[in-house]
């Protein structure tokens, strides 16, 4: 899927709605911009969050162990227990 965008005088551009939808990007979503210097191109992707990683790890849990729903909360709880 290709499109053309225009960079404003402030160096900003708008990501078209169909691209935001494909990325699952809504207000507050962090995106990753990777610049390929050799090809003079850039790639935009969703930034991987702690919760994304937790979801992936939860898929490998043994049956009967509930999935980790909030990785940040889990980390903070267990971090305090160690201190």
PDB file of N, CA and C in Angstrom:
ATOM      1  N   UNK A   1       0.853  -1.165   0.000  1.00  0.00           N
ATOM      2  CA  UNK A   1       0.000   0.000   0.000  1.00  0.00           C
ATOM      3  C   UNK A   1       0.901   1.231   0.000  1.00  0.00           C
ATOM      4  N   UNK A   2       0.783   2.051  -1.007  1.00  0.00           N
ATOM      5  CA  UNK A   2       1.574   3.277  -1.124  1.00  0.00           C
ATOM      6  C   UNK A   2       0.667   4.494  -1.076  1.00  0.00           C
ATOM      7  N   UNK A   3       1.238   5.591  -0.639  1.00  0.00           N
ATOM      8  CA  UNK A   3       0.545   6.879  -0.676  1.00  0.00           C
ATOM      9  C   UNK A   3       1.597   7.972  -0.681  1.00  0.00           C
ATOM     10  N   UNK A   4       1.198   9.166  -0.969  1.00  0.00           N
ATOM     11  CA  UNK A   4       2.087  10.313  -0.907  1.00  0.00           C
ATOM     12  C   UNK A   4       1.621  11.213   0.223  1.00  0.00           C
ATOM     13  N   UNK A   5       2.574  11.737   0.977  1.00  0.00           N
ATOM     14  CA  UNK A   5       2.269  12.659   2.061  1.00  0.00           C
ATOM     15  C   UNK A   5       3.132  13.902   1.882  1.00  0.00           C
ATOM     16  N   UNK A   6       2.731  14.986   2.497  1.00  0.00           N
ATOM     17  CA  UNK A   6       3.470  16.243   2.408  1.00  0.00           C
ATOM     18  C   UNK A   6       3.966  16.626   3.796  1.00  0.00           C
ATOM     19  N   UNK A   7       5.221  17.001   3.871  1.00  0.00           N
ATOM     20  CA  UNK A   7       5.810  17.434   5.133  1.00  0.00           C
ATOM     21  C   UNK A   7       5.549  18.934   5.289  1.00  0.00           C
ATOM     22  N   UNK A   8       5.055  19.317   6.467  1.00  0.00           N
ATOM     23  CA  UNK A   8       4.734  20.726   6.718  1.00  0.00           C
ATOM     24  C   UNK A   8       6.007  21.526   6.983  1.00  0.00           C
ATOM     25  N   UNK A   9       5.851  22.833   7.123  1.00  0.00           N
ATOM     26  CA  UNK A   9       7.001  23.705   7.402  1.00  0.00           C
ATOM     27  C   UNK A   9       7.616  23.400   8.769  1.00  0.00           C
ATOM     28  N   UNK A  10       6.848  22.745   9.650  1.00  0.00           N
ATOM     29  CA  UNK A  10       7.349  22.352  10.972  1.00  0.00           C
ATOM     30  C   UNK A  10       7.967  20.963  10.959  1.00  0.00           C
ATOM     31  N   UNK A  11       8.028  20.323   9.785  1.00  0.00           N
ATOM     32  CA  UNK A  11       8.597  18.981   9.685  1.00  0.00           C
ATOM     33  C   UNK A  11       7.625  17.887  10.063  1.00  0.00           C
ATOM     34  N   UNK A  12       6.343  18.193  10.117  1.00  0.00           N
ATOM     35  CA  UNK A  12       5.324  17.227  10.515  1.00  0.00           C
ATOM     36  C   UNK A  12       4.579  16.701   9.292  1.00  0.00           C
ATOM     37  N   UNK A  13       3.987  15.526   9.455  1.00  0.00           N
ATOM     38  CA  UNK A  13       3.118  14.987   8.414  1.00  0.00           C
ATOM     39  C   UNK A  13       2.007  14.206   9.078  1.00  0.00           C
ATOM     40  N   UNK A  14       0.930  13.975   8.342  1.00  0.00           N
ATOM     41  CA  UNK A  14      -0.206  13.225   8.848  1.00  0.00           C
ATOM     42  C   UNK A  14      -0.179  11.833   8.255  1.00  0.00           C
ATOM     43  N   UNK A  15      -0.284  10.847   9.114  1.00  0.00           N
ATOM     44  CA  UNK A  15      -0.365   9.462   8.667  1.00  0.00           C
ATOM     45  C   UNK A  15      -1.808   9.195   8.260  1.00  0.00           C
ATOM     46  N   UNK A  16      -2.055   8.839   7.013  1.00  0.00           N
ATOM     47  CA  UNK A  16      -3.434   8.636   6.557  1.00  0.00           C
ATOM     48  C   UNK A  16      -4.183   7.598   7.387  1.00  0.00           C
ATOM     49  N   UNK A  17      -5.492   7.776   7.484  1.00  0.00           N
ATOM     50  CA  UNK A  17      -6.348   6.933   8.321  1.00  0.00           C
ATOM     51  C   UNK A  17      -6.193   5.451   7.995  1.00  0.00           C
ATOM     52  N   UNK A  18      -6.127   5.085   6.729  1.00  0.00           N
ATOM     53  CA  UNK A  18      -6.038   3.653   6.393  1.00  0.00           C
ATOM     54  C   UNK A  18      -4.725   3.042   6.883  1.00  0.00           C
ATOM     55  N   UNK A  19      -3.664   3.846   6.962  1.00  0.00           N
ATOM     56  CA  UNK A  19      -2.398   3.361   7.500  1.00  0.00           C
ATOM     57  C   UNK A  19      -2.488   3.220   9.019  1.00  0.00           C
ATOM     58  N   UNK A  20      -3.118   4.202   9.676  1.00  0.00           N
ATOM     59  CA  UNK A  20      -3.303   4.118  11.135  1.00  0.00           C
ATOM     60  C   UNK A  20      -4.130   2.896  11.487  1.00  0.00           C
ATOM     61  N   UNK A  21      -5.160   2.626  10.702  1.00  0.00           N
ATOM     62  CA  UNK A  21      -6.007   1.450  10.955  1.00  0.00           C
ATOM     63  C   UNK A  21      -5.215   0.162  10.817  1.00  0.00           C
ATOM     64  N   UNK A  22      -4.411   0.060   9.780  1.00  0.00           N
ATOM     65  CA  UNK A  22      -3.602  -1.159   9.557  1.00  0.00           C
ATOM     66  C   UNK A  22      -2.599  -1.368  10.688  1.00  0.00           C
ATOM     67  N   UNK A  23      -2.054  -0.269  11.216  1.00  0.00           N
ATOM     68  CA  UNK A  23      -1.097  -0.351  12.314  1.00  0.00           C
ATOM     69  C   UNK A  23      -1.785  -0.509  13.669  1.00  0.00           C
ATOM     70  N   UNK A  24      -3.088  -0.309  13.712  1.00  0.00           N
ATOM     71  CA  UNK A  24      -3.805  -0.336  14.984  1.00  0.00           C
ATOM     72  C   UNK A  24      -3.425   0.864  15.830  1.00  0.00           C
ATOM     73  N   UNK A  25      -3.094   1.970  15.168  1.00  0.00           N
ATOM     74  CA  UNK A  25      -2.632   3.175  15.858  1.00  0.00           C
ATOM     75  C   UNK A  25      -3.801   4.100  16.148  1.00  0.00           C
ATOM     76  N   UNK A  26      -3.924   4.452  17.410  1.00  0.00           N
ATOM     77  CA  UNK A  26      -4.921   5.441  17.819  1.00  0.00           C
ATOM     78  C   UNK A  26      -4.206   6.441  18.707  1.00  0.00           C
ATOM     79  N   UNK A  27      -4.920   7.403  19.224  1.00  0.00           N
ATOM     80  CA  UNK A  27      -4.300   8.446  20.042  1.00  0.00           C
ATOM     81  C   UNK A  27      -3.456   7.821  21.149  1.00  0.00           C
ATOM     82  N   UNK A  28      -2.215   8.247  21.255  1.00  0.00           N
ATOM     83  CA  UNK A  28      -1.316   7.764  22.294  1.00  0.00           C
ATOM     84  C   UNK A  28      -0.469   6.565  21.886  1.00  0.00           C
ATOM     85  N   UNK A  29      -0.747   5.953  20.738  1.00  0.00           N
ATOM     86  CA  UNK A  29       0.034   4.803  20.284  1.00  0.00           C
ATOM     87  C   UNK A  29       1.432   5.268  19.892  1.00  0.00           C
ATOM     88  N   UNK A  30       2.443   4.547  20.382  1.00  0.00           N
ATOM     89  CA  UNK A  30       3.824   4.869  20.014  1.00  0.00           C
ATOM     90  C   UNK A  30       4.183   4.107  18.746  1.00  0.00           C
ATOM     91  N   UNK A  31       4.780   4.834  17.818  1.00  0.00           N
ATOM     92  CA  UNK A  31       5.225   4.236  16.572  1.00  0.00           C
ATOM     93  C   UNK A  31       6.749   4.316  16.491  1.00  0.00           C
ATOM     94  N   UNK A  32       7.308   3.389  15.757  1.00  0.00           N
ATOM     95  CA  UNK A  32       8.759   3.357  15.563  1.00  0.00           C
ATOM     96  C   UNK A  32       9.055   3.783  14.129  1.00  0.00           C
ATOM     97  N   UNK A  33       9.993   4.690  13.961  1.00  0.00           N
ATOM     98  CA  UNK A  33      10.419   5.144  12.644  1.00  0.00           C
ATOM     99  C   UNK A  33      11.856   4.703  12.452  1.00  0.00           C
ATOM    100  N   UNK A  34      12.088   3.877  11.447  1.00  0.00           N
ATOM    101  CA  UNK A  34      13.434   3.373  11.171  1.00  0.00           C
ATOM    102  C   UNK A  34      13.897   3.933   9.835  1.00  0.00           C
ATOM    103  N   UNK A  35      15.061   4.582   9.855  1.00  0.00           N
ATOM    104  CA  UNK A  35      15.618   5.180   8.655  1.00  0.00           C
ATOM    105  C   UNK A  35      16.699   4.283   8.084  1.00  0.00           C
ATOM    106  N   UNK A  36      16.588   3.985   6.799  1.00  0.00           N
ATOM    107  CA  UNK A  36      17.588   3.197   6.091  1.00  0.00           C
ATOM    108  C   UNK A  36      18.414   4.179   5.270  1.00  0.00           C
ATOM    109  N   UNK A  37      19.586   4.536   5.762  1.00  0.00           N
ATOM    110  CA  UNK A  37      20.419   5.542   5.109  1.00  0.00           C
ATOM    111  C   UNK A  37      20.840   5.143   3.698  1.00  0.00           C
ATOM    112  N   UNK A  38      21.156   3.876   3.502  1.00  0.00           N
ATOM    113  CA  UNK A  38      21.635   3.436   2.193  1.00  0.00           C
ATOM    114  C   UNK A  38      20.569   3.576   1.110  1.00  0.00           C
ATOM    115  N   UNK A  39      19.347   3.235   1.430  1.00  0.00           N
ATOM    116  CA  UNK A  39      18.273   3.277   0.443  1.00  0.00           C
ATOM    117  C   UNK A  39      17.500   4.592   0.490  1.00  0.00           C
ATOM    118  N   UNK A  40      17.853   5.465   1.419  1.00  0.00           N
ATOM    119  CA  UNK A  40      17.143   6.737   1.595  1.00  0.00           C
ATOM    120  C   UNK A  40      15.650   6.510   1.753  1.00  0.00           C
ATOM    121  N   UNK A  41      15.296   5.564   2.628  1.00  0.00           N
ATOM    122  CA  UNK A  41      13.891   5.275   2.888  1.00  0.00           C
ATOM    123  C   UNK A  41      13.665   5.130   4.385  1.00  0.00           C
ATOM    124  N   UNK A  42      12.392   5.138   4.777  1.00  0.00           N
ATOM    125  CA  UNK A  42      12.025   5.002   6.182  1.00  0.00           C
ATOM    126  C   UNK A  42      10.901   3.991   6.295  1.00  0.00           C
ATOM    127  N   UNK A  43      10.850   3.334   7.455  1.00  0.00           N
ATOM    128  CA  UNK A  43       9.797   2.370   7.744  1.00  0.00           C
ATOM    129  C   UNK A  43       9.130   2.774   9.050  1.00  0.00           C
ATOM    130  N   UNK A  44       7.800   2.766   9.076  1.00  0.00           N
ATOM    131  CA  UNK A  44       7.044   3.066  10.288  1.00  0.00           C
ATOM    132  C   UNK A  44       6.367   1.785  10.750  1.00  0.00           C
ATOM    133  N   UNK A  45       6.521   1.463  12.036  1.00  0.00           N
ATOM    134  CA  UNK A  45       5.868   0.283  12.600  1.00  0.00           C
ATOM    135  C   UNK A  45       5.426   0.600  14.023  1.00  0.00           C
ATOM    136  N   UNK A  46       4.573  -0.257  14.564  1.00  0.00           N
ATOM    137  CA  UNK A  46       4.163  -0.101  15.968  1.00  0.00           C
ATOM    138  C   UNK A  46       5.347  -0.391  16.860  1.00  0.00           C
ATOM    139  N   UNK A  47       5.528   0.404  17.895  1.00  0.00           N
ATOM    140  CA  UNK A  47       6.561   0.136  18.880  1.00  0.00           C
ATOM    141  C   UNK A  47       6.105  -1.040  19.745  1.00  0.00           C
ATOM    142  N   UNK A  48       7.013  -1.928  20.072  1.00  0.00           N
ATOM    143  CA  UNK A  48       6.689  -3.071  20.920  1.00  0.00           C
ATOM    144  C   UNK A  48       6.662  -2.596  22.368  1.00  0.00           C
ATOM    145  N   UNK A  49       5.572  -2.912  23.073  1.00  0.00           N
ATOM    146  CA  UNK A  49       5.440  -2.506  24.473  1.00  0.00           C
ATOM    147  C   UNK A  49       5.679  -3.692  25.397  1.00  0.00           C
ATOM    148  N   UNK A  50       5.818  -3.419  26.663  1.00  0.00           N
ATOM    149  CA  UNK A  50       5.975  -4.473  27.660  1.00  0.00           C
ATOM    150  C   UNK A  50       4.754  -5.388  27.642  1.00  0.00           C
ATOM    151  N   UNK A  51       3.579  -4.811  27.476  1.00  0.00           N
ATOM    152  CA  UNK A  51       2.357  -5.620  27.441  1.00  0.00           C
ATOM    153  C   UNK A  51       2.305  -6.525  26.211  1.00  0.00           C
ATOM    154  N   UNK A  52       2.850  -6.059  25.075  1.00  0.00           N
ATOM    155  CA  UNK A  52       2.921  -6.909  23.882  1.00  0.00           C
ATOM    156  C   UNK A  52       3.783  -8.142  24.159  1.00  0.00           C
ATOM    157  N   UNK A  53       4.916  -7.918  24.819  1.00  0.00           N
ATOM    158  CA  UNK A  53       5.814  -9.024  25.155  1.00  0.00           C
ATOM    159  C   UNK A  53       5.136  -9.964  26.149  1.00  0.00           C
ATOM    160  N   UNK A  54       4.435  -9.396  27.133  1.00  0.00           N
ATOM    161  CA  UNK A  54       3.732 -10.222  28.120  1.00  0.00           C
ATOM    162  C   UNK A  54       2.688 -11.104  27.449  1.00  0.00           C
ATOM    163  N   UNK A  55       1.986 -10.558  26.465  1.00  0.00           N
ATOM    164  CA  UNK A  55       0.991 -11.357  25.743  1.00  0.00           C
ATOM    165  C   UNK A  55       1.649 -12.528  25.030  1.00  0.00           C
ATOM    166  N   UNK A  56       2.788 -12.286  24.436  1.00  0.00           N
ATOM    167  CA  UNK A  56       3.501 -13.360  23.736  1.00  0.00           C
ATOM    168  C   UNK A  56       3.967 -14.438  24.706  1.00  0.00           C
ATOM    169  N   UNK A  57       4.492 -14.006  25.846  1.00  0.00           N
ATOM    170  CA  UNK A  57       4.990 -14.957  26.848  1.00  0.00           C
ATOM    171  C   UNK A  57       3.835 -15.745  27.447  1.00  0.00           C
ATOM    172  N   UNK A  58       2.710 -15.080  27.706  1.00  0.00           N
ATOM    173  CA  UNK A  58       1.554 -15.740  28.316  1.00  0.00           C
ATOM    174  C   UNK A  58       1.051 -16.899  27.466  1.00  0.00           C
ATOM    175  N   UNK A  59       1.268 -16.824  26.169  1.00  0.00           N
ATOM    176  CA  UNK A  59       0.829 -17.896  25.281  1.00  0.00           C
ATOM    177  C   UNK A  59       1.560 -19.207  25.574  1.00  0.00           C
ATOM    178  N   UNK A  60       2.701 -19.147  26.240  1.00  0.00           N
ATOM    179  CA  UNK A  60       3.487 -20.343  26.530  1.00  0.00           C
ATOM    180  C   UNK A  60       3.308 -20.860  27.960  1.00  0.00           C
ATOM    181  N   UNK A  61       2.414 -20.235  28.735  1.00  0.00           N
ATOM    182  CA  UNK A  61       2.202 -20.667  30.115  1.00  0.00           C
ATOM    183  C   UNK A  61       1.552 -22.046  30.172  1.00  0.00           C
ATOM    184  N   UNK A  62       1.803 -22.737  31.254  1.00  0.00           N
ATOM    185  CA  UNK A  62       1.183 -24.052  31.463  1.00  0.00           C
ATOM    186  C   UNK A  62      -0.317 -23.886  31.682  1.00  0.00           C
ATOM    187  N   UNK A  63      -1.097 -24.879  31.301  1.00  0.00           N
ATOM    188  CA  UNK A  63      -2.542 -24.801  31.540  1.00  0.00           C
ATOM    189  C   UNK A  63      -2.847 -24.573  33.025  1.00  0.00           C
ATOM    190  N   UNK A  64      -3.838 -23.750  33.287  1.00  0.00           N
ATOM    191  CA  UNK A  64      -4.237 -23.472  34.666  1.00  0.00           C
ATOM    192  C   UNK A  64      -3.592 -22.229  35.233  1.00  0.00           C
ATOM    193  N   UNK A  65      -2.524 -21.740  34.603  1.00  0.00           N
ATOM    194  CA  UNK A  65      -1.887 -20.505  35.065  1.00  0.00           C
ATOM    195  C   UNK A  65      -2.521 -19.357  34.279  1.00  0.00           C
ATOM    196  N   UNK A  66      -3.117 -18.399  34.974  1.00  0.00           N
ATOM    197  CA  UNK A  66      -3.794 -17.313  34.253  1.00  0.00           C
ATOM    198  C   UNK A  66      -2.789 -16.460  33.483  1.00  0.00           C
ATOM    199  N   UNK A  67      -3.188 -15.922  32.334  1.00  0.00           N
ATOM    200  CA  UNK A  67      -2.285 -15.083  31.552  1.00  0.00           C
ATOM    201  C   UNK A  67      -1.972 -13.780  32.277  1.00  0.00           C
ATOM    202  N   UNK A  68      -0.827 -13.242  32.016  1.00  0.00           N
ATOM    203  CA  UNK A  68      -0.400 -11.981  32.589  1.00  0.00           C
ATOM    204  C   UNK A  68      -1.098 -10.858  31.843  1.00  0.00           C
ATOM    205  N   UNK A  69      -1.997 -10.145  32.518  1.00  0.00           N
ATOM    206  CA  UNK A  69      -2.802  -9.109  31.872  1.00  0.00           C
ATOM    207  C   UNK A  69      -2.151  -7.734  31.904  1.00  0.00           C
ATOM    208  N   UNK A  70      -1.415  -7.434  32.966  1.00  0.00           N
ATOM    209  CA  UNK A  70      -0.816  -6.117  33.103  1.00  0.00           C
ATOM    210  C   UNK A  70       0.633  -6.293  33.543  1.00  0.00           C
ATOM    211  N   UNK A  71       1.528  -6.317  32.581  1.00  0.00           N
ATOM    212  CA  UNK A  71       2.940  -6.575  32.866  1.00  0.00           C
ATOM    213  C   UNK A  71       3.540  -5.493  33.757  1.00  0.00           C
ATOM    214  N   UNK A  72       3.167  -4.241  33.536  1.00  0.00           N
ATOM    215  CA  UNK A  72       3.713  -3.151  34.352  1.00  0.00           C
ATOM    216  C   UNK A  72       3.321  -3.308  35.816  1.00  0.00           C
ATOM    217  N   UNK A  73       2.052  -3.639  36.065  1.00  0.00           N
ATOM    218  CA  UNK A  73       1.573  -3.829  37.438  1.00  0.00           C
ATOM    219  C   UNK A  73       2.284  -5.025  38.084  1.00  0.00           C
ATOM    220  N   UNK A  74       2.428  -6.126  37.346  1.00  0.00           N
ATOM    221  CA  UNK A  74       3.119  -7.312  37.842  1.00  0.00           C
ATOM    222  C   UNK A  74       4.558  -6.976  38.220  1.00  0.00           C
ATOM    223  N   UNK A  75       5.236  -6.256  37.328  1.00  0.00           N
ATOM    224  CA  UNK A  75       6.623  -5.880  37.577  1.00  0.00           C
ATOM    225  C   UNK A  75       6.736  -5.023  38.826  1.00  0.00           C
ATOM    226  N   UNK A  76       5.867  -4.008  38.960  1.00  0.00           N
ATOM    227  CA  UNK A  76       5.927  -3.128  40.122  1.00  0.00           C
ATOM    228  C   UNK A  76       5.670  -3.900  41.421  1.00  0.00           C
ATOM    229  N   UNK A  77       4.712  -4.823  41.407  1.00  0.00           N
ATOM    230  CA  UNK A  77       4.390  -5.623  42.591  1.00  0.00           C
ATOM    231  C   UNK A  77       5.594  -6.461  43.011  1.00  0.00           C
ATOM    232  N   UNK A  78       6.208  -7.139  42.065  1.00  0.00           N
ATOM    233  CA  UNK A  78       7.328  -8.016  42.390  1.00  0.00           C
ATOM    234  C   UNK A  78       8.622  -7.250  42.629  1.00  0.00           C
ATOM    235  N   UNK A  79       8.719  -6.088  42.067  1.00  0.00           N
ATOM    236  CA  UNK A  79       9.899  -5.236  42.315  1.00  0.00           C
ATOM    237  C   UNK A  79       9.887  -4.764  43.767  1.00  0.00           C
ATOM    238  N   UNK A  80       8.710  -4.345  44.237  1.00  0.00           N
ATOM    239  CA  UNK A  80       8.593  -3.893  45.636  1.00  0.00           C
ATOM    240  C   UNK A  80       8.881  -5.037  46.603  1.00  0.00           C
ATOM    241  N   UNK A  81       8.503  -6.256  46.234  1.00  0.00           N
ATOM    242  CA  UNK A  81       8.726  -7.402  47.094  1.00  0.00           C
ATOM    243  C   UNK A  81      10.214  -7.684  47.284  1.00  0.00           C
ATOM    244  N   UNK A  82      11.033  -7.348  46.287  1.00  0.00           N
ATOM    245  CA  UNK A  82      12.467  -7.590  46.362  1.00  0.00           C
ATOM    246  C   UNK A  82      13.197  -6.543  47.187  1.00  0.00           C
ATOM    247  N   UNK A  83      12.643  -5.323  47.264  1.00  0.00           N
ATOM    248  CA  UNK A  83      13.329  -4.231  47.963  1.00  0.00           C
ATOM    249  C   UNK A  83      13.267  -4.336  49.449  1.00  0.00           C
TER     250      UNK A  83
END
